[in-house]
PDB file of N, CA and C in Angstrom:
ATOM      1  N   MET A   1       0.788  -1.173  -0.098  1.00  0.00           N
ATOM      2  CA  MET A   1      -0.019   0.066  -0.101  1.00  0.00           C
ATOM      3  C   MET A   1       0.821   1.254   0.074  1.00  0.00           C
ATOM      4  N   PRO A   2       1.921   1.311   0.516  1.00  0.00           N
ATOM      5  CA  PRO A   2       2.789   2.509   0.582  1.00  0.00           C
ATOM      6  C   PRO A   2       3.208   2.886  -0.694  1.00  0.00           C
ATOM      7  N   ASP A   3       3.645   1.923  -1.693  1.00  0.00           N
ATOM      8  CA  ASP A   3       3.938   2.233  -3.030  1.00  0.00           C
ATOM      9  C   ASP A   3       2.793   2.826  -3.815  1.00  0.00           C
ATOM     10  N   LEU A   4       1.550   2.279  -3.579  1.00  0.00           N
ATOM     11  CA  LEU A   4       0.412   2.911  -4.279  1.00  0.00           C
ATOM     12  C   LEU A   4       0.151   4.312  -3.739  1.00  0.00           C
ATOM     13  N   MET A   5       0.275   4.610  -2.590  1.00  0.00           N
ATOM     14  CA  MET A   5      -0.010   5.863  -1.869  1.00  0.00           C
ATOM     15  C   MET A   5       1.070   6.876  -2.381  1.00  0.00           C
ATOM     16  N   GLN A   6       2.289   6.391  -2.481  1.00  0.00           N
ATOM     17  CA  GLN A   6       3.424   7.305  -2.953  1.00  0.00           C
ATOM     18  C   GLN A   6       3.081   7.787  -4.481  1.00  0.00           C
ATOM     19  N   TRP A   7       2.726   6.692  -5.227  1.00  0.00           N
ATOM     20  CA  TRP A   7       2.356   7.105  -6.725  1.00  0.00           C
ATOM     21  C   TRP A   7       1.197   8.119  -6.846  1.00  0.00           C
ATOM     22  N   ILE A   8       0.033   7.754  -6.003  1.00  0.00           N
ATOM     23  CA  ILE A   8      -1.078   8.625  -6.091  1.00  0.00           C
ATOM     24  C   ILE A   8      -0.695  10.012  -5.486  1.00  0.00           C
ATOM     25  N   GLY A   9       0.146   9.976  -4.365  1.00  0.00           N
ATOM     26  CA  GLY A   9       0.405  11.277  -3.848  1.00  0.00           C
ATOM     27  C   GLY A   9       1.405  12.210  -4.916  1.00  0.00           C
ATOM     28  N   GLY A  10       2.090  11.366  -5.537  1.00  0.00           N
ATOM     29  CA  GLY A  10       2.948  12.220  -6.576  1.00  0.00           C
ATOM     30  C   GLY A  10       2.208  12.712  -7.736  1.00  0.00           C
ATOM     31  N   TYR A  11       1.107  11.997  -8.083  1.00  0.00           N
ATOM     32  CA  TYR A  11       0.213  12.360  -9.111  1.00  0.00           C
ATOM     33  C   TYR A  11      -0.572  13.683  -8.669  1.00  0.00           C
ATOM     34  N   SER A  12      -0.989  13.630  -7.416  1.00  0.00           N
ATOM     35  CA  SER A  12      -1.693  14.619  -6.884  1.00  0.00           C
ATOM     36  C   SER A  12      -0.843  15.980  -6.831  1.00  0.00           C
ATOM     37  N   ALA A  13       0.348  15.791  -6.369  1.00  0.00           N
ATOM     38  CA  ALA A  13       1.312  16.875  -6.220  1.00  0.00           C
ATOM     39  C   ALA A  13       1.703  17.505  -7.600  1.00  0.00           C
ATOM     40  N   ALA A  14       1.741  16.733  -8.650  1.00  0.00           N
ATOM     41  CA  ALA A  14       2.023  17.088 -10.122  1.00  0.00           C
ATOM     42  C   ALA A  14       0.722  17.888 -10.578  1.00  0.00           C
ATOM     43  N   LEU A  15      -0.383  17.542 -10.254  1.00  0.00           N
ATOM     44  CA  LEU A  15      -1.588  18.332 -10.717  1.00  0.00           C
ATOM     45  C   LEU A  15      -1.577  19.554 -10.118  1.00  0.00           C
ATOM     46  N   THR A  16      -1.311  19.694  -8.812  1.00  0.00           N
ATOM     47  CA  THR A  16      -1.185  20.904  -8.091  1.00  0.00           C
ATOM     48  C   THR A  16      -0.082  21.884  -8.706  1.00  0.00           C
ATOM     49  N   VAL A  17       1.127  21.320  -8.916  1.00  0.00           N
ATOM     50  CA  VAL A  17       2.313  22.172  -9.339  1.00  0.00           C
ATOM     51  C   VAL A  17       1.945  22.662 -10.651  1.00  0.00           C
ATOM     52  N   HIS A  18       1.284  21.996 -11.567  1.00  0.00           N
ATOM     53  CA  HIS A  18       0.981  22.390 -12.911  1.00  0.00           C
ATOM     54  C   HIS A  18      -0.306  23.034 -13.053  1.00  0.00           C
ATOM     55  N   GLY A  19      -0.924  23.325 -11.896  1.00  0.00           N
ATOM     56  CA  GLY A  19      -2.367  24.069 -11.967  1.00  0.00           C
ATOM     57  C   GLY A  19      -3.418  23.450 -12.593  1.00  0.00           C
ATOM     58  N   LEU A  20      -3.345  22.029 -12.591  1.00  0.00           N
ATOM     59  CA  LEU A  20      -4.437  21.252 -13.133  1.00  0.00           C
ATOM     60  C   LEU A  20      -5.466  20.849 -12.331  1.00  0.00           C
ATOM     61  N   ASP A  21      -6.726  21.211 -12.660  1.00  0.00           N
ATOM     62  CA  ASP A  21      -7.801  20.872 -11.830  1.00  0.00           C
ATOM     63  C   ASP A  21      -8.895  19.746 -12.586  1.00  0.00           C
ATOM     64  N   GLU A  22      -8.538  18.600 -12.324  1.00  0.00           N
ATOM     65  CA  GLU A  22      -9.353  17.569 -12.876  1.00  0.00           C
ATOM     66  C   GLU A  22     -10.272  16.834 -12.007  1.00  0.00           C
ATOM     67  N   GLY A  23     -10.500  17.416 -10.927  1.00  0.00           N
ATOM     68  CA  GLY A  23     -11.389  16.940  -9.947  1.00  0.00           C
ATOM     69  C   GLY A  23     -10.864  15.619  -9.170  1.00  0.00           C
ATOM     70  N   PHE A  24      -9.536  15.632  -8.901  1.00  0.00           N
ATOM     71  CA  PHE A  24      -8.884  14.560  -8.414  1.00  0.00           C
ATOM     72  C   PHE A  24      -9.536  14.070  -7.060  1.00  0.00           C
ATOM     73  N   GLU A  25      -9.994  12.689  -7.086  1.00  0.00           N
ATOM     74  CA  GLU A  25     -10.994  12.350  -5.825  1.00  0.00           C
ATOM     75  C   GLU A  25     -10.143  11.529  -4.871  1.00  0.00           C
ATOM     76  N   LEU A  26      -8.850  11.329  -5.186  1.00  0.00           N
ATOM     77  CA  LEU A  26      -8.059  10.534  -4.125  1.00  0.00           C
ATOM     78  C   LEU A  26      -7.216  11.244  -3.310  1.00  0.00           C
ATOM     79  N   GLY A  27      -7.292  12.568  -3.008  1.00  0.00           N
ATOM     80  CA  GLY A  27      -6.643  13.380  -2.160  1.00  0.00           C
ATOM     81  C   GLY A  27      -6.874  12.808  -0.769  1.00  0.00           C
ATOM     82  N   ILE A  28      -5.905  13.250   0.162  1.00  0.00           N
ATOM     83  CA  ILE A  28      -6.083  12.748   1.525  1.00  0.00           C
ATOM     84  C   ILE A  28      -7.444  13.035   2.170  1.00  0.00           C
ATOM     85  N   ALA A  29      -8.044  14.284   1.835  1.00  0.00           N
ATOM     86  CA  ALA A  29      -9.377  14.703   2.410  1.00  0.00           C
ATOM     87  C   ALA A  29     -10.296  14.888   1.283  1.00  0.00           C
ATOM     88  N   GLY A  30     -10.186  13.873   0.206  1.00  0.00           N
ATOM     89  CA  GLY A  30     -11.006  14.115  -0.906  1.00  0.00           C
ATOM     90  C   GLY A  30     -12.239  13.353  -0.839  1.00  0.00           C
ATOM     91  N   PRO A  31     -13.140  13.483  -1.919  1.00  0.00           N
ATOM     92  CA  PRO A  31     -14.378  12.630  -1.988  1.00  0.00           C
ATOM     93  C   PRO A  31     -14.415  11.318  -1.655  1.00  0.00           C
ATOM     94  N   PHE A  32     -13.271  10.463  -1.949  1.00  0.00           N
ATOM     95  CA  PHE A  32     -13.204   9.060  -1.725  1.00  0.00           C
ATOM     96  C   PHE A  32     -13.036   8.892  -0.204  1.00  0.00           C
ATOM     97  N   THR A  33     -12.176   9.589   0.509  1.00  0.00           N
ATOM     98  CA  THR A  33     -12.131   9.532   1.924  1.00  0.00           C
ATOM     99  C   THR A  33     -13.438   9.765   2.668  1.00  0.00           C
ATOM    100  N   ASN A  34     -14.159  10.766   2.180  1.00  0.00           N
ATOM    101  CA  ASN A  34     -15.567  11.170   2.736  1.00  0.00           C
ATOM    102  C   ASN A  34     -16.414  10.194   2.592  1.00  0.00           C
ATOM    103  N   TRP A  35     -16.465   9.454   1.453  1.00  0.00           N
ATOM    104  CA  TRP A  35     -17.357   8.247   1.135  1.00  0.00           C
ATOM    105  C   TRP A  35     -17.186   7.202   1.998  1.00  0.00           C
ATOM    106  N   LEU A  36     -15.825   6.724   2.183  1.00  0.00           N
ATOM    107  CA  LEU A  36     -15.537   5.701   3.106  1.00  0.00           C
ATOM    108  C   LEU A  36     -15.987   6.053   4.565  1.00  0.00           C
ATOM    109  N   SER A  37     -15.878   7.382   5.091  1.00  0.00           N
ATOM    110  CA  SER A  37     -16.352   7.660   6.233  1.00  0.00           C
ATOM    111  C   SER A  37     -17.903   7.438   6.244  1.00  0.00           C
ATOM    112  N   TRP A  38     -18.541   8.054   5.333  1.00  0.00           N
ATOM    113  CA  TRP A  38     -20.073   8.085   5.388  1.00  0.00           C
ATOM    114  C   TRP A  38     -20.462   6.684   5.269  1.00  0.00           C
ATOM    115  N   ASN A  39     -19.971   5.819   4.325  1.00  0.00           N
ATOM    116  CA  ASN A  39     -20.426   4.448   4.198  1.00  0.00           C
ATOM    117  C   ASN A  39     -20.023   3.365   5.124  1.00  0.00           C
ATOM    118  N   TYR A  40     -18.856   3.518   5.730  1.00  0.00           N
ATOM    119  CA  TYR A  40     -18.273   2.499   6.567  1.00  0.00           C
ATOM    120  C   TYR A  40     -17.876   3.007   7.948  1.00  0.00           C
ATOM    121  N   GLY A  41     -18.027   4.321   8.296  1.00  0.00           N
ATOM    122  CA  GLY A  41     -17.941   4.840   9.522  1.00  0.00           C
ATOM    123  C   GLY A  41     -16.482   4.933   9.979  1.00  0.00           C
ATOM    124  N   THR A  42     -15.535   5.177   8.964  1.00  0.00           N
ATOM    125  CA  THR A  42     -14.103   5.116   9.136  1.00  0.00           C
ATOM    126  C   THR A  42     -13.784   6.623   9.464  1.00  0.00           C
ATOM    127  N   SER A  43     -12.734   6.737  10.156  1.00  0.00           N
ATOM    128  CA  SER A  43     -12.296   8.127  10.511  1.00  0.00           C
ATOM    129  C   SER A  43     -11.658   8.883   9.331  1.00  0.00           C
ATOM    130  N   LEU A  44     -11.860  10.095   9.474  1.00  0.00           N
ATOM    131  CA  LEU A  44     -11.341  10.959   8.285  1.00  0.00           C
ATOM    132  C   LEU A  44      -9.835  11.419   8.538  1.00  0.00           C
ATOM    133  N   SER A  45      -9.334  11.297   9.874  1.00  0.00           N
ATOM    134  CA  SER A  45      -8.124  11.801  10.253  1.00  0.00           C
ATOM    135  C   SER A  45      -6.920  11.232   9.591  1.00  0.00           C
ATOM    136  N   GLY A  46      -6.997   9.819   9.170  1.00  0.00           N
ATOM    137  CA  GLY A  46      -6.048   8.950   8.623  1.00  0.00           C
ATOM    138  C   GLY A  46      -6.181   9.012   7.019  1.00  0.00           C
ATOM    139  N   GLY A  47      -7.173   9.793   6.428  1.00  0.00           N
ATOM    140  CA  GLY A  47      -7.352   9.666   5.098  1.00  0.00           C
ATOM    141  C   GLY A  47      -7.871   8.311   4.634  1.00  0.00           C
ATOM    142  N   TRP A  48      -7.835   8.113   3.278  1.00  0.00           N
ATOM    143  CA  TRP A  48      -8.458   6.884   2.688  1.00  0.00           C
ATOM    144  C   TRP A  48      -7.299   5.680   2.800  1.00  0.00           C
ATOM    145  N   VAL A  49      -6.131   5.965   3.013  1.00  0.00           N
ATOM    146  CA  VAL A  49      -5.211   4.887   3.276  1.00  0.00           C
ATOM    147  C   VAL A  49      -5.471   4.207   4.500  1.00  0.00           C
ATOM    148  N   ALA A  50      -5.700   4.819   5.736  1.00  0.00           N
ATOM    149  CA  ALA A  50      -5.823   4.210   6.923  1.00  0.00           C
ATOM    150  C   ALA A  50      -7.426   3.577   6.947  1.00  0.00           C
ATOM    151  N   ALA A  51      -8.171   4.267   6.211  1.00  0.00           N
ATOM    152  CA  ALA A  51      -9.563   3.552   6.244  1.00  0.00           C
ATOM    153  C   ALA A  51      -9.607   2.218   5.383  1.00  0.00           C
ATOM    154  N   VAL A  52      -8.845   2.151   4.287  1.00  0.00           N
ATOM    155  CA  VAL A  52      -8.836   0.985   3.447  1.00  0.00           C
ATOM    156  C   VAL A  52      -8.112  -0.101   4.162  1.00  0.00           C
ATOM    157  N   GLU A  53      -6.954   0.246   4.845  1.00  0.00           N
ATOM    158  CA  GLU A  53      -6.283  -0.699   5.708  1.00  0.00           C
ATOM    159  C   GLU A  53      -7.062  -1.292   6.824  1.00  0.00           C
ATOM    160  N   GLN A  54      -8.022  -0.432   7.498  1.00  0.00           N
ATOM    161  CA  GLN A  54      -9.009  -0.893   8.382  1.00  0.00           C
ATOM    162  C   GLN A  54      -9.971  -1.751   7.861  1.00  0.00           C
ATOM    163  N   LEU A  55     -10.421  -1.613   6.673  1.00  0.00           N
ATOM    164  CA  LEU A  55     -11.502  -2.198   6.120  1.00  0.00           C
ATOM    165  C   LEU A  55     -11.224  -3.546   5.316  1.00  0.00           C
ATOM    166  N   ALA A  56      -9.857  -3.693   5.152  1.00  0.00           N
ATOM    167  CA  ALA A  56      -9.313  -5.015   4.442  1.00  0.00           C
ATOM    168  C   ALA A  56      -9.765  -6.074   5.292  1.00  0.00           C
ATOM    169  N   GLN A  57     -10.376  -7.098   4.593  1.00  0.00           N
ATOM    170  CA  GLN A  57     -10.612  -8.226   5.286  1.00  0.00           C
ATOM    171  C   GLN A  57      -9.493  -9.320   5.656  1.00  0.00           C
ATOM    172  N   GLU A  58      -9.576 -10.188   6.568  1.00  0.00           N
ATOM    173  CA  GLU A  58      -8.484 -11.030   6.904  1.00  0.00           C
ATOM    174  C   GLU A  58      -8.163 -11.796   5.575  1.00  0.00           C
ATOM    175  N   GLY A  59      -6.903 -11.982   5.337  1.00  0.00           N
ATOM    176  CA  GLY A  59      -6.501 -12.727   4.109  1.00  0.00           C
ATOM    177  C   GLY A  59      -6.409 -11.842   2.853  1.00  0.00           C
ATOM    178  N   GLU A  60      -6.965 -10.632   2.883  1.00  0.00           N
ATOM    179  CA  GLU A  60      -7.014  -9.740   1.723  1.00  0.00           C
ATOM    180  C   GLU A  60      -5.902  -8.601   1.839  1.00  0.00           C
ATOM    181  N   SER A  61      -5.259  -8.399   0.759  1.00  0.00           N
ATOM    182  CA  SER A  61      -4.191  -7.246   0.877  1.00  0.00           C
ATOM    183  C   SER A  61      -5.085  -5.952   0.911  1.00  0.00           C
ATOM    184  N   SER A  62      -4.353  -4.928   1.394  1.00  0.00           N
ATOM    185  CA  SER A  62      -5.106  -3.613   1.425  1.00  0.00           C
ATOM    186  C   SER A  62      -5.057  -3.017   0.009  1.00  0.00           C
ATOM    187  N   VAL A  63      -4.241  -3.509  -0.980  1.00  0.00           N
ATOM    188  CA  VAL A  63      -4.360  -2.965  -2.382  1.00  0.00           C
ATOM    189  C   VAL A  63      -5.521  -3.574  -2.898  1.00  0.00           C
ATOM    190  N   GLU A  64      -5.899  -4.914  -2.661  1.00  0.00           N
ATOM    191  CA  GLU A  64      -7.080  -5.575  -3.085  1.00  0.00           C
ATOM    192  C   GLU A  64      -8.342  -4.869  -2.640  1.00  0.00           C
ATOM    193  N   ALA A  65      -8.232  -4.577  -1.352  1.00  0.00           N
ATOM    194  CA  ALA A  65      -9.352  -3.825  -0.740  1.00  0.00           C
ATOM    195  C   ALA A  65      -9.450  -2.346  -1.323  1.00  0.00           C
ATOM    196  N   PHE A  66      -8.377  -1.716  -1.459  1.00  0.00           N
ATOM    197  CA  PHE A  66      -8.497  -0.439  -2.359  1.00  0.00           C
ATOM    198  C   PHE A  66      -9.342  -0.521  -3.555  1.00  0.00           C
ATOM    199  N   PHE A  67      -8.928  -1.305  -4.398  1.00  0.00           N
ATOM    200  CA  PHE A  67      -9.475  -1.331  -5.622  1.00  0.00           C
ATOM    201  C   PHE A  67     -11.030  -1.932  -5.586  1.00  0.00           C
ATOM    202  N   GLN A  68     -11.327  -2.805  -4.656  1.00  0.00           N
ATOM    203  CA  GLN A  68     -12.766  -3.169  -4.580  1.00  0.00           C
ATOM    204  C   GLN A  68     -13.563  -1.950  -4.070  1.00  0.00           C
ATOM    205  N   LEU A  69     -13.018  -1.118  -2.974  1.00  0.00           N
ATOM    206  CA  LEU A  69     -13.832  -0.085  -2.487  1.00  0.00           C
ATOM    207  C   LEU A  69     -13.880   1.108  -3.528  1.00  0.00           C
ATOM    208  N   LEU A  70     -12.728   1.283  -4.351  1.00  0.00           N
ATOM    209  CA  LEU A  70     -12.869   2.252  -5.493  1.00  0.00           C
ATOM    210  C   LEU A  70     -13.896   1.993  -6.400  1.00  0.00           C
ATOM    211  N   ASP A  71     -13.948   0.619  -6.725  1.00  0.00           N
ATOM    212  CA  ASP A  71     -14.856   0.354  -7.745  1.00  0.00           C
ATOM    213  C   ASP A  71     -16.298   0.576  -7.228  1.00  0.00           C
ATOM    214  N   ALA A  72     -16.525   0.324  -5.938  1.00  0.00           N
ATOM    215  CA  ALA A  72     -17.844   0.535  -5.278  1.00  0.00           C
ATOM    216  C   ALA A  72     -18.174   2.110  -5.257  1.00  0.00           C
ATOM    217  N   TYR A  73     -17.093   2.882  -4.956  1.00  0.00           N
ATOM    218  CA  TYR A  73     -17.256   4.301  -4.880  1.00  0.00           C
ATOM    219  C   TYR A  73     -17.532   4.827  -6.313  1.00  0.00           C
ATOM    220  N   ARG A  74     -16.926   4.415  -7.224  1.00  0.00           N
ATOM    221  CA  ARG A  74     -17.119   4.763  -8.557  1.00  0.00           C
ATOM    222  C   ARG A  74     -18.514   4.502  -9.083  1.00  0.00           C
ATOM    223  N   ALA A  75     -18.896   3.329  -8.768  1.00  0.00           N
ATOM    224  CA  ALA A  75     -20.251   2.858  -9.100  1.00  0.00           C
ATOM    225  C   ALA A  75     -21.365   3.518  -8.538  1.00  0.00           C
ATOM    226  N   GLU A  76     -21.238   3.931  -7.321  1.00  0.00           N
ATOM    227  CA  GLU A  76     -22.175   4.693  -6.568  1.00  0.00           C
ATOM    228  C   GLU A  76     -22.133   6.037  -6.966  1.00  0.00           C
ATOM    229  N   SER A  77     -20.969   6.568  -7.298  1.00  0.00           N
ATOM    230  CA  SER A  77     -20.916   8.093  -7.863  1.00  0.00           C
ATOM    231  C   SER A  77     -21.485   8.148  -9.212  1.00  0.00           C
ATOM    232  N   ALA A  78     -21.345   7.040 -10.072  1.00  0.00           N
ATOM    233  CA  ALA A  78     -21.784   7.145 -11.451  1.00  0.00           C
ATOM    234  C   ALA A  78     -23.555   7.062 -11.493  1.00  0.00           C
ATOM    235  N   ALA A  79     -23.990   6.490 -10.445  1.00  0.00           N
ATOM    236  CA  ALA A  79     -25.505   6.460 -10.327  1.00  0.00           C
ATOM    237  C   ALA A  79     -26.022   7.627  -9.680  1.00  0.00           C
ATOM    238  N   ILE A  80     -25.294   8.490  -9.255  1.00  0.00           N
ATOM    239  CA  ILE A  80     -25.935   9.762  -8.728  1.00  0.00           C
ATOM    240  C   ILE A  80     -26.115  10.939  -9.832  1.00  0.00           C
TER     241      ILE A  80
END
């Protein structure tokens, strides 16, 4: 999970540095973090990384949990 977070964090930083606003949803306090908190009762203080690690099932990697939760978030967001 640390490698994934570093990659996403770098992408977010590059968007900021270059003044690009593409509605990035995976920022530390972004919509994905809020969705996890609202739907699963996770704390906002650790961002989505802490929430995903908390929600990962036994025997499931946090990266697998991340992509499953992200798919659920995107499906719900598309339905709105």
